[in-house]
Amino acid sequence: MEWHFAPFHTLSSFTQQFSYADYTMRILWNILWEEEAATAVEYAVLLAMILLTIIGTIGMVGGETHGMWGNITSGLEDVGFIK
């Protein structure tokens, strides 16, 4: 099933019949049920999971190294290297 988008000059008559939410839902429905789009959705979910893992890891490592950098800074202040 293919969706053909209306030309720009008929877009105003289209929006009079359907709201933008209807239009968006039709596009999303079309994306989710196409076989090629299913592959794209799977890749998007995989990418989201990888990004969440990376962000979580950076957050954990950042929290652990924050104390290390704080100790270095206070040590340098103690010896008068930085003010």
Protein backbone atom coordinates (compact mmCIF):
# COMPACT_ATOMS: atom_id res chain seq x y z
CA MET A 1 0.00 0.00 0.00
CA GLU A 2 1.50 3.29 -1.07
CA TRP A 3 0.59 6.76 0.04
CA HIS A 4 0.78 9.54 -2.47
CA PHE A 5 1.15 12.99 -1.05
CA ALA A 6 -0.99 15.80 -2.35
CA PRO A 7 0.63 18.60 -4.32
CA PHE A 8 1.18 21.85 -2.45
CA HIS A 9 -1.75 23.65 -4.07
CA THR A 10 -4.22 21.03 -2.78
CA LEU A 11 -2.69 20.90 0.69
CA SER A 12 -5.05 23.54 2.04
CA SER A 13 -8.10 21.50 0.99
CA PHE A 14 -6.47 18.44 2.55
CA THR A 15 -5.96 20.18 5.88
CA GLN A 16 -9.56 21.32 5.85
CA GLN A 17 -10.69 17.68 5.73
CA PHE A 18 -8.12 16.25 8.15
CA SER A 19 -6.30 17.71 11.09
CA TYR A 20 -2.54 17.64 11.35
CA ALA A 21 -2.84 14.85 13.94
CA ASP A 22 -4.73 12.72 11.41
CA TYR A 23 -2.11 13.46 8.78
CA THR A 24 0.73 12.60 11.18
CA MET A 25 -0.97 9.39 12.28
CA ARG A 26 -1.43 8.34 8.66
CA ILE A 27 2.27 8.90 7.98
CA LEU A 28 3.29 7.00 11.12
CA TRP A 29 0.91 4.16 10.31
CA ASN A 30 2.35 3.98 6.81
CA ILE A 31 5.93 3.93 8.14
CA LEU A 32 5.23 1.22 10.70
CA TRP A 33 3.53 -1.16 8.29
CA GLU A 34 5.88 -0.97 5.32
CA GLU A 35 8.46 -3.73 5.23
CA GLU A 36 11.29 -1.40 4.28
CA ALA A 37 10.24 0.98 7.02
CA ALA A 38 10.20 -1.86 9.55
CA THR A 39 13.90 -2.33 8.92
CA ALA A 40 14.46 1.40 9.44
CA VAL A 41 12.48 1.28 12.68
CA GLU A 42 14.55 -1.68 13.88
CA TYR A 43 17.75 0.22 13.13
CA ALA A 44 16.38 3.29 14.95
CA VAL A 45 15.60 1.21 18.04
CA LEU A 46 19.05 -0.39 17.89
CA LEU A 47 20.68 3.04 17.57
CA ALA A 48 18.64 4.36 20.51
CA MET A 49 19.74 1.45 22.69
CA ILE A 50 23.39 1.98 21.75
CA LEU A 51 23.15 5.71 22.48
CA LEU A 52 21.51 5.09 25.86
CA THR A 53 24.30 2.68 26.75
CA ILE A 54 26.96 5.19 25.74
CA ILE A 55 25.29 8.05 27.63
CA GLY A 56 24.88 5.89 30.73
CA THR A 57 28.51 4.79 30.59
CA ILE A 58 29.74 8.35 30.18
CA GLY A 59 27.59 9.40 33.14
CA MET A 60 29.00 6.66 35.35
CA VAL A 61 32.60 7.29 34.33
CA GLY A 62 32.11 11.04 34.69
CA GLY A 63 30.80 10.59 38.22
CA GLU A 64 33.75 8.42 39.16
CA THR A 65 36.37 10.74 37.66
CA HIS A 66 34.82 13.89 39.14
CA GLY A 67 36.32 13.05 42.53
CA MET A 68 39.69 12.38 40.95
CA TRP A 69 39.78 15.77 39.23
CA GLY A 70 38.58 17.48 42.41
CA ASN A 71 41.43 15.92 44.38
CA ILE A 72 43.99 17.04 41.79
CA THR A 73 42.64 20.60 41.86
CA SER A 74 42.69 20.79 45.67
CA GLY A 75 46.22 19.34 45.69
CA LEU A 76 47.42 22.00 43.27
CA GLU A 77 45.76 24.71 45.36
CA ASP A 78 47.44 23.38 48.50
CA VAL A 79 50.92 23.74 47.02
CA GLY A 80 50.11 27.18 45.59
CA PHE A 81 50.23 26.20 41.95
CA ILE A 82 46.77 27.59 41.23
CA LYS A 83 44.81 30.19 43.18
